[in-house]
Each structure stands twice: as structure tokens, then as C-alpha cells.
């Protein structure tokens, strides 16, 4: 049995959105709370909550798969919140950033993978 902490961002009709927590750090929550204005936070949170309720977002500019990876991104203008899918309708938010370039930086992809690996490692203990 895992003693992993789970922090729920939003529990909807279709999906449960969780924050990845590792070593008492929660990068996605920290980004939402500390790096965004109230208006930015409200916009991206509304997109994520809509996904939790309905299980899809029709606007591909707001939610899309990261090419060549097993990760997805919620988008609102330059704001990105990265996530991946677990079983039983769970979606785990890894972290966020303000993307300034056209192409996603490799460092962000590596960070997603590292956060996922550390979070999933808790399941094995």
C-alpha cells in the first residue's frame, strides 16, 4: 500500500485532476499560486476544470498532446500546464511554465519526465 500523498486540484464528473507531489514539493500548484496573476490563474484553471467535468476540450489550442511524448498540455495564451494520464480517469499535473518560443524547450520535457518518475516511484514503495 502506498503512503503517497495525493492532492486533488479538481474532481469532475469525468476526470480527477491531481497535482504531482514529490519530496513535499508540488511544482504545478506552486506555478499556479506564485507565478500567475489572478486573471491568468482563473483562465487556465477554468480550462482544466472543464476537462475534468466533460473529459474533453474541443479547442485543440487549449489542450493537446505534446508531439512524440506521453504528455499533454493545457494552454491559455503563453501559459502551459503539463500533465499525463494515469488509470481510472486520473490526470496528473506535473508543472507549468510561460512559453515564449514557438517550440517547447527540451528542458521542460525533461522536467515533466523527472517529476513523473519521482511521483510514480512513490507508488512502488
N, C-alpha and C. Protein backbone atom coordinates (compact mmCIF):
# COMPACT_ATOMS: atom_id res chain seq x y z
N UNK A 1 0.85 -1.19 0.00
CA UNK A 1 0.00 0.00 0.00
C UNK A 1 0.89 1.25 0.00
N UNK A 2 0.60 2.17 -0.87
CA UNK A 2 1.40 3.38 -1.00
C UNK A 2 1.02 4.38 0.09
N UNK A 3 2.02 5.09 0.57
CA UNK A 3 1.75 6.16 1.52
C UNK A 3 1.85 7.51 0.82
N UNK A 4 1.77 7.47 -0.50
CA UNK A 4 1.90 8.69 -1.29
C UNK A 4 0.74 9.64 -1.00
N UNK A 5 1.11 10.89 -0.88
CA UNK A 5 0.14 11.94 -0.70
C UNK A 5 -0.48 12.26 -2.05
N UNK A 6 -1.79 12.43 -2.10
CA UNK A 6 -2.43 12.90 -3.32
C UNK A 6 -3.16 14.19 -3.01
N UNK A 7 -2.91 15.18 -3.82
CA UNK A 7 -3.59 16.46 -3.66
C UNK A 7 -4.45 16.67 -4.90
N UNK A 8 -5.75 16.78 -4.69
CA UNK A 8 -6.69 16.92 -5.80
C UNK A 8 -6.82 18.39 -6.17
N UNK A 9 -6.66 18.68 -7.46
CA UNK A 9 -6.91 20.03 -7.97
C UNK A 9 -8.41 20.20 -8.22
N UNK A 10 -9.00 19.20 -8.89
CA UNK A 10 -10.45 19.26 -9.16
C UNK A 10 -10.97 17.87 -9.45
N UNK A 11 -12.07 17.53 -8.83
CA UNK A 11 -12.72 16.25 -9.10
C UNK A 11 -13.99 16.54 -9.89
N UNK A 12 -13.98 16.14 -11.17
CA UNK A 12 -15.12 16.40 -12.02
C UNK A 12 -15.94 15.15 -12.28
N UNK A 13 -16.95 15.29 -13.11
CA UNK A 13 -17.81 14.17 -13.49
C UNK A 13 -17.05 13.11 -14.27
N UNK A 14 -16.06 13.55 -15.05
CA UNK A 14 -15.36 12.65 -15.97
C UNK A 14 -13.94 12.29 -15.54
N UNK A 15 -13.24 13.22 -14.92
CA UNK A 15 -11.84 13.02 -14.57
C UNK A 15 -11.55 13.59 -13.18
N UNK A 16 -10.48 13.06 -12.58
CA UNK A 16 -9.95 13.62 -11.34
C UNK A 16 -8.58 14.19 -11.68
N UNK A 17 -8.40 15.47 -11.41
CA UNK A 17 -7.14 16.14 -11.71
C UNK A 17 -6.34 16.23 -10.42
N UNK A 18 -5.13 15.66 -10.46
CA UNK A 18 -4.25 15.62 -9.28
C UNK A 18 -2.99 16.45 -9.52
N UNK A 19 -2.40 16.93 -8.44
CA UNK A 19 -1.08 17.54 -8.50
C UNK A 19 -0.04 16.45 -8.23
N UNK A 20 1.04 16.43 -9.00
CA UNK A 20 2.18 15.56 -8.68
C UNK A 20 2.89 16.17 -7.47
N UNK A 21 3.07 15.36 -6.45
CA UNK A 21 3.77 15.81 -5.24
C UNK A 21 4.95 14.87 -5.03
N UNK A 22 6.12 15.46 -4.85
CA UNK A 22 7.29 14.65 -4.53
C UNK A 22 8.19 15.45 -3.61
N UNK A 23 8.65 14.76 -2.59
CA UNK A 23 9.52 15.38 -1.59
C UNK A 23 8.93 16.69 -1.06
N UNK A 24 7.63 16.65 -0.76
CA UNK A 24 6.91 17.80 -0.23
C UNK A 24 6.88 19.00 -1.16
N UNK A 25 7.15 18.78 -2.43
CA UNK A 25 7.10 19.83 -3.42
C UNK A 25 5.95 19.55 -4.38
N UNK A 26 5.30 20.60 -4.82
CA UNK A 26 4.18 20.46 -5.74
C UNK A 26 4.35 21.50 -6.85
N UNK A 27 5.18 21.20 -7.87
CA UNK A 27 5.53 22.20 -8.88
C UNK A 27 4.36 22.84 -9.61
N UNK A 28 3.33 22.07 -9.98
CA UNK A 28 2.19 22.66 -10.71
C UNK A 28 1.43 23.63 -9.82
N UNK A 29 1.20 23.24 -8.58
CA UNK A 29 0.49 24.12 -7.65
C UNK A 29 1.31 25.37 -7.36
N UNK A 30 2.61 25.20 -7.17
CA UNK A 30 3.49 26.35 -6.93
C UNK A 30 3.42 27.33 -8.09
N UNK A 31 3.44 26.81 -9.32
CA UNK A 31 3.36 27.66 -10.51
C UNK A 31 2.03 28.42 -10.54
N UNK A 32 0.94 27.70 -10.33
CA UNK A 32 -0.38 28.34 -10.35
C UNK A 32 -0.49 29.44 -9.29
N UNK A 33 -0.01 29.15 -8.10
CA UNK A 33 -0.17 30.08 -6.98
C UNK A 33 0.81 31.25 -7.00
N UNK A 34 2.04 31.01 -7.48
CA UNK A 34 3.10 32.01 -7.31
C UNK A 34 3.56 32.70 -8.59
N UNK A 35 3.31 32.11 -9.74
CA UNK A 35 3.85 32.66 -10.98
C UNK A 35 2.81 33.35 -11.86
N UNK A 36 1.54 33.19 -11.54
CA UNK A 36 0.48 33.72 -12.39
C UNK A 36 -0.32 34.81 -11.68
N UNK A 37 -0.83 35.73 -12.48
CA UNK A 37 -1.76 36.72 -11.92
C UNK A 37 -3.08 36.02 -11.61
N UNK A 38 -3.92 36.69 -10.89
CA UNK A 38 -5.22 36.12 -10.55
C UNK A 38 -6.02 35.81 -11.82
N UNK A 39 -5.98 36.70 -12.80
CA UNK A 39 -6.71 36.51 -14.06
C UNK A 39 -6.15 35.33 -14.85
N UNK A 40 -4.81 35.23 -14.93
CA UNK A 40 -4.19 34.10 -15.64
C UNK A 40 -4.55 32.78 -14.98
N UNK A 41 -4.48 32.77 -13.65
CA UNK A 41 -4.80 31.56 -12.89
C UNK A 41 -6.25 31.14 -13.14
N UNK A 42 -7.16 32.10 -13.15
CA UNK A 42 -8.58 31.80 -13.36
C UNK A 42 -8.81 31.21 -14.75
N UNK A 43 -8.14 31.74 -15.77
CA UNK A 43 -8.33 31.24 -17.14
C UNK A 43 -7.84 29.81 -17.30
N UNK A 44 -6.64 29.53 -16.85
CA UNK A 44 -6.09 28.17 -17.03
C UNK A 44 -6.84 27.19 -16.13
N UNK A 45 -7.22 27.60 -14.94
CA UNK A 45 -7.97 26.72 -14.04
C UNK A 45 -9.33 26.37 -14.65
N UNK A 46 -9.97 27.32 -15.32
CA UNK A 46 -11.27 27.05 -15.95
C UNK A 46 -11.13 25.99 -17.05
N UNK A 47 -10.05 26.04 -17.81
CA UNK A 47 -9.82 25.04 -18.87
C UNK A 47 -9.63 23.66 -18.25
N UNK A 48 -8.80 23.58 -17.22
CA UNK A 48 -8.53 22.29 -16.57
C UNK A 48 -9.81 21.73 -15.93
N UNK A 49 -10.56 22.58 -15.28
CA UNK A 49 -11.81 22.12 -14.63
C UNK A 49 -12.84 21.67 -15.67
N UNK A 50 -12.90 22.37 -16.79
CA UNK A 50 -13.82 21.96 -17.87
C UNK A 50 -13.45 20.57 -18.36
N UNK A 51 -12.15 20.31 -18.49
CA UNK A 51 -11.71 18.97 -18.90
C UNK A 51 -12.11 17.93 -17.86
N UNK A 52 -11.96 18.26 -16.59
CA UNK A 52 -12.33 17.32 -15.52
C UNK A 52 -13.83 17.00 -15.56
N UNK A 53 -14.63 17.97 -15.89
CA UNK A 53 -16.07 17.77 -15.92
C UNK A 53 -16.53 16.96 -17.14
N UNK A 54 -15.99 17.29 -18.32
CA UNK A 54 -16.52 16.73 -19.56
C UNK A 54 -15.61 15.70 -20.23
N UNK A 55 -14.36 15.59 -19.78
CA UNK A 55 -13.45 14.59 -20.33
C UNK A 55 -12.86 14.93 -21.68
N UNK A 56 -13.13 16.13 -22.16
CA UNK A 56 -12.54 16.56 -23.43
C UNK A 56 -12.61 18.08 -23.52
N UNK A 57 -11.75 18.61 -24.38
CA UNK A 57 -11.78 20.03 -24.71
C UNK A 57 -11.74 20.08 -26.23
N UNK A 58 -12.74 20.67 -26.82
CA UNK A 58 -12.84 20.69 -28.28
C UNK A 58 -11.82 21.62 -28.93
N UNK A 59 -11.41 22.66 -28.24
CA UNK A 59 -10.44 23.61 -28.78
C UNK A 59 -9.03 23.05 -28.61
N UNK A 60 -8.44 22.58 -29.72
CA UNK A 60 -7.10 21.99 -29.65
C UNK A 60 -6.02 22.99 -29.26
N UNK A 61 -6.32 24.25 -29.30
CA UNK A 61 -5.35 25.25 -28.84
C UNK A 61 -5.28 25.29 -27.32
N UNK A 62 -6.29 24.74 -26.65
CA UNK A 62 -6.33 24.77 -25.19
C UNK A 62 -5.87 23.47 -24.55
N UNK A 63 -5.85 22.38 -25.30
CA UNK A 63 -5.42 21.10 -24.74
C UNK A 63 -4.93 20.22 -25.88
N UNK A 64 -3.65 19.84 -25.82
CA UNK A 64 -3.13 19.00 -26.90
C UNK A 64 -1.99 18.12 -26.40
N UNK A 65 -1.77 17.05 -27.15
CA UNK A 65 -0.68 16.12 -26.87
C UNK A 65 0.63 16.76 -27.29
N UNK A 66 1.66 16.56 -26.50
CA UNK A 66 2.98 17.05 -26.86
C UNK A 66 3.58 16.04 -27.82
N UNK A 67 3.93 16.50 -28.97
CA UNK A 67 4.40 15.64 -30.05
C UNK A 67 5.57 14.75 -29.62
N UNK A 68 5.42 13.45 -29.84
CA UNK A 68 6.48 12.50 -29.54
C UNK A 68 6.62 12.12 -28.08
N UNK A 69 5.70 12.56 -27.24
CA UNK A 69 5.80 12.31 -25.80
C UNK A 69 4.47 11.76 -25.28
N UNK A 70 4.50 11.19 -24.09
CA UNK A 70 3.27 10.72 -23.43
C UNK A 70 2.75 11.77 -22.46
N UNK A 71 2.87 13.01 -22.84
CA UNK A 71 2.41 14.13 -22.03
C UNK A 71 1.49 15.02 -22.85
N UNK A 72 0.67 15.76 -22.15
CA UNK A 72 -0.27 16.70 -22.75
C UNK A 72 -0.05 18.06 -22.12
N UNK A 73 -0.62 19.11 -22.73
CA UNK A 73 -0.52 20.43 -22.14
C UNK A 73 -1.85 21.16 -22.21
N UNK A 74 -2.21 21.78 -21.09
CA UNK A 74 -3.32 22.72 -21.05
C UNK A 74 -2.72 24.07 -21.39
N UNK A 75 -3.40 24.85 -22.25
CA UNK A 75 -2.83 26.10 -22.73
C UNK A 75 -3.82 27.26 -22.60
N UNK A 76 -3.30 28.38 -22.18
CA UNK A 76 -4.04 29.64 -22.21
C UNK A 76 -3.02 30.71 -22.57
N UNK A 77 -3.06 31.16 -23.80
CA UNK A 77 -2.08 32.10 -24.33
C UNK A 77 -0.68 31.52 -24.14
N UNK A 78 0.22 32.18 -23.39
CA UNK A 78 1.58 31.66 -23.21
C UNK A 78 1.70 30.69 -22.04
N UNK A 79 0.66 30.52 -21.28
CA UNK A 79 0.70 29.67 -20.08
C UNK A 79 0.48 28.22 -20.46
N UNK A 80 1.34 27.35 -19.93
CA UNK A 80 1.23 25.91 -20.15
C UNK A 80 1.25 25.19 -18.81
N UNK A 81 0.33 24.23 -18.66
CA UNK A 81 0.35 23.32 -17.51
C UNK A 81 0.44 21.92 -18.11
N UNK A 82 1.48 21.19 -17.75
CA UNK A 82 1.75 19.88 -18.34
C UNK A 82 1.15 18.77 -17.49
N UNK A 83 0.76 17.68 -18.16
CA UNK A 83 0.12 16.58 -17.44
C UNK A 83 0.32 15.26 -18.16
N UNK A 84 -0.06 14.19 -17.48
CA UNK A 84 -0.09 12.86 -18.09
C UNK A 84 -1.27 12.10 -17.49
N UNK A 85 -1.63 11.01 -18.16
CA UNK A 85 -2.79 10.22 -17.74
C UNK A 85 -2.36 9.03 -16.91
N UNK A 86 -3.12 8.76 -15.86
CA UNK A 86 -2.99 7.55 -15.07
C UNK A 86 -4.27 6.75 -15.28
N UNK A 87 -4.41 5.66 -14.55
CA UNK A 87 -5.60 4.83 -14.68
C UNK A 87 -6.79 5.47 -13.97
N UNK A 88 -7.96 4.91 -14.21
CA UNK A 88 -9.19 5.28 -13.51
C UNK A 88 -9.54 6.76 -13.63
N UNK A 89 -9.33 7.34 -14.81
CA UNK A 89 -9.73 8.72 -15.04
C UNK A 89 -8.92 9.76 -14.31
N UNK A 90 -7.73 9.39 -13.88
CA UNK A 90 -6.87 10.34 -13.18
C UNK A 90 -5.90 11.01 -14.16
N UNK A 91 -5.75 12.31 -13.98
CA UNK A 91 -4.81 13.10 -14.76
C UNK A 91 -3.91 13.80 -13.76
N UNK A 92 -2.60 13.70 -13.96
CA UNK A 92 -1.64 14.27 -13.01
C UNK A 92 -0.96 15.48 -13.64
N UNK A 93 -1.06 16.63 -12.97
CA UNK A 93 -0.40 17.86 -13.40
C UNK A 93 1.04 17.83 -12.90
N UNK A 94 2.01 18.01 -13.79
CA UNK A 94 3.41 17.96 -13.36
C UNK A 94 3.94 19.34 -12.98
N UNK A 95 3.82 20.29 -13.88
CA UNK A 95 4.33 21.64 -13.60
C UNK A 95 3.80 22.58 -14.68
N UNK A 96 4.22 23.83 -14.61
CA UNK A 96 3.78 24.80 -15.59
C UNK A 96 4.91 25.73 -15.98
N UNK A 97 4.68 26.48 -17.05
CA UNK A 97 5.65 27.49 -17.48
C UNK A 97 4.93 28.51 -18.36
N UNK A 98 5.61 29.62 -18.57
CA UNK A 98 5.16 30.59 -19.56
C UNK A 98 6.06 30.38 -20.77
N UNK A 99 5.46 29.90 -21.83
CA UNK A 99 6.21 29.56 -23.04
C UNK A 99 6.34 30.80 -23.91
N UNK A 100 7.57 31.15 -24.22
CA UNK A 100 7.82 32.35 -25.01
C UNK A 100 8.22 32.03 -26.45
N UNK A 101 8.69 30.81 -26.69
CA UNK A 101 9.12 30.41 -28.02
C UNK A 101 8.04 29.59 -28.69
N UNK A 102 8.17 29.41 -30.00
CA UNK A 102 7.22 28.57 -30.74
C UNK A 102 7.34 27.11 -30.32
N UNK A 103 8.55 26.65 -30.12
CA UNK A 103 8.79 25.24 -29.82
C UNK A 103 9.03 25.07 -28.32
N UNK A 104 8.47 24.01 -27.78
CA UNK A 104 8.65 23.70 -26.36
C UNK A 104 10.11 23.33 -26.10
N UNK A 105 10.69 23.94 -25.09
CA UNK A 105 12.10 23.67 -24.78
C UNK A 105 12.28 22.26 -24.26
N UNK A 106 13.38 21.65 -24.65
CA UNK A 106 13.71 20.28 -24.23
C UNK A 106 13.77 20.19 -22.70
N UNK A 107 14.24 21.25 -22.05
CA UNK A 107 14.35 21.26 -20.59
C UNK A 107 12.98 21.06 -19.93
N UNK A 108 11.92 21.59 -20.52
CA UNK A 108 10.58 21.41 -19.97
C UNK A 108 10.13 19.96 -20.09
N UNK A 109 10.45 19.34 -21.22
CA UNK A 109 10.10 17.92 -21.42
C UNK A 109 10.85 17.06 -20.42
N UNK A 110 12.13 17.34 -20.22
CA UNK A 110 12.92 16.58 -19.25
C UNK A 110 12.37 16.77 -17.84
N UNK A 111 11.93 17.98 -17.53
CA UNK A 111 11.36 18.24 -16.20
C UNK A 111 10.07 17.44 -16.01
N UNK A 112 9.22 17.38 -17.05
CA UNK A 112 7.99 16.57 -16.97
C UNK A 112 8.32 15.12 -16.64
N UNK A 113 9.30 14.58 -17.36
CA UNK A 113 9.69 13.18 -17.18
C UNK A 113 10.23 12.94 -15.77
N UNK A 114 11.05 13.87 -15.28
CA UNK A 114 11.63 13.73 -13.95
C UNK A 114 10.55 13.77 -12.87
N UNK A 115 9.63 14.72 -12.98
CA UNK A 115 8.55 14.83 -12.00
C UNK A 115 7.69 13.57 -12.01
N UNK A 116 7.36 13.09 -13.21
CA UNK A 116 6.55 11.87 -13.31
C UNK A 116 7.28 10.68 -12.68
N UNK A 117 8.56 10.53 -13.00
CA UNK A 117 9.34 9.41 -12.47
C UNK A 117 9.36 9.45 -10.94
N UNK A 118 9.62 10.63 -10.36
CA UNK A 118 9.67 10.75 -8.91
C UNK A 118 8.30 10.49 -8.28
N UNK A 119 7.26 10.99 -8.91
CA UNK A 119 5.90 10.79 -8.39
C UNK A 119 5.49 9.33 -8.46
N UNK A 120 5.77 8.69 -9.59
CA UNK A 120 5.40 7.29 -9.78
C UNK A 120 6.23 6.37 -8.88
N UNK A 121 7.46 6.76 -8.58
CA UNK A 121 8.32 5.96 -7.71
C UNK A 121 7.67 5.77 -6.34
N UNK A 122 6.91 6.76 -5.90
CA UNK A 122 6.20 6.67 -4.62
C UNK A 122 5.21 5.50 -4.63
N UNK A 123 4.63 5.18 -5.80
CA UNK A 123 3.68 4.07 -5.91
C UNK A 123 4.34 2.73 -5.64
N UNK A 124 5.61 2.63 -5.95
CA UNK A 124 6.33 1.37 -5.84
C UNK A 124 6.77 1.07 -4.41
N UNK A 125 6.76 2.06 -3.55
CA UNK A 125 7.25 1.87 -2.18
C UNK A 125 6.16 1.39 -1.26
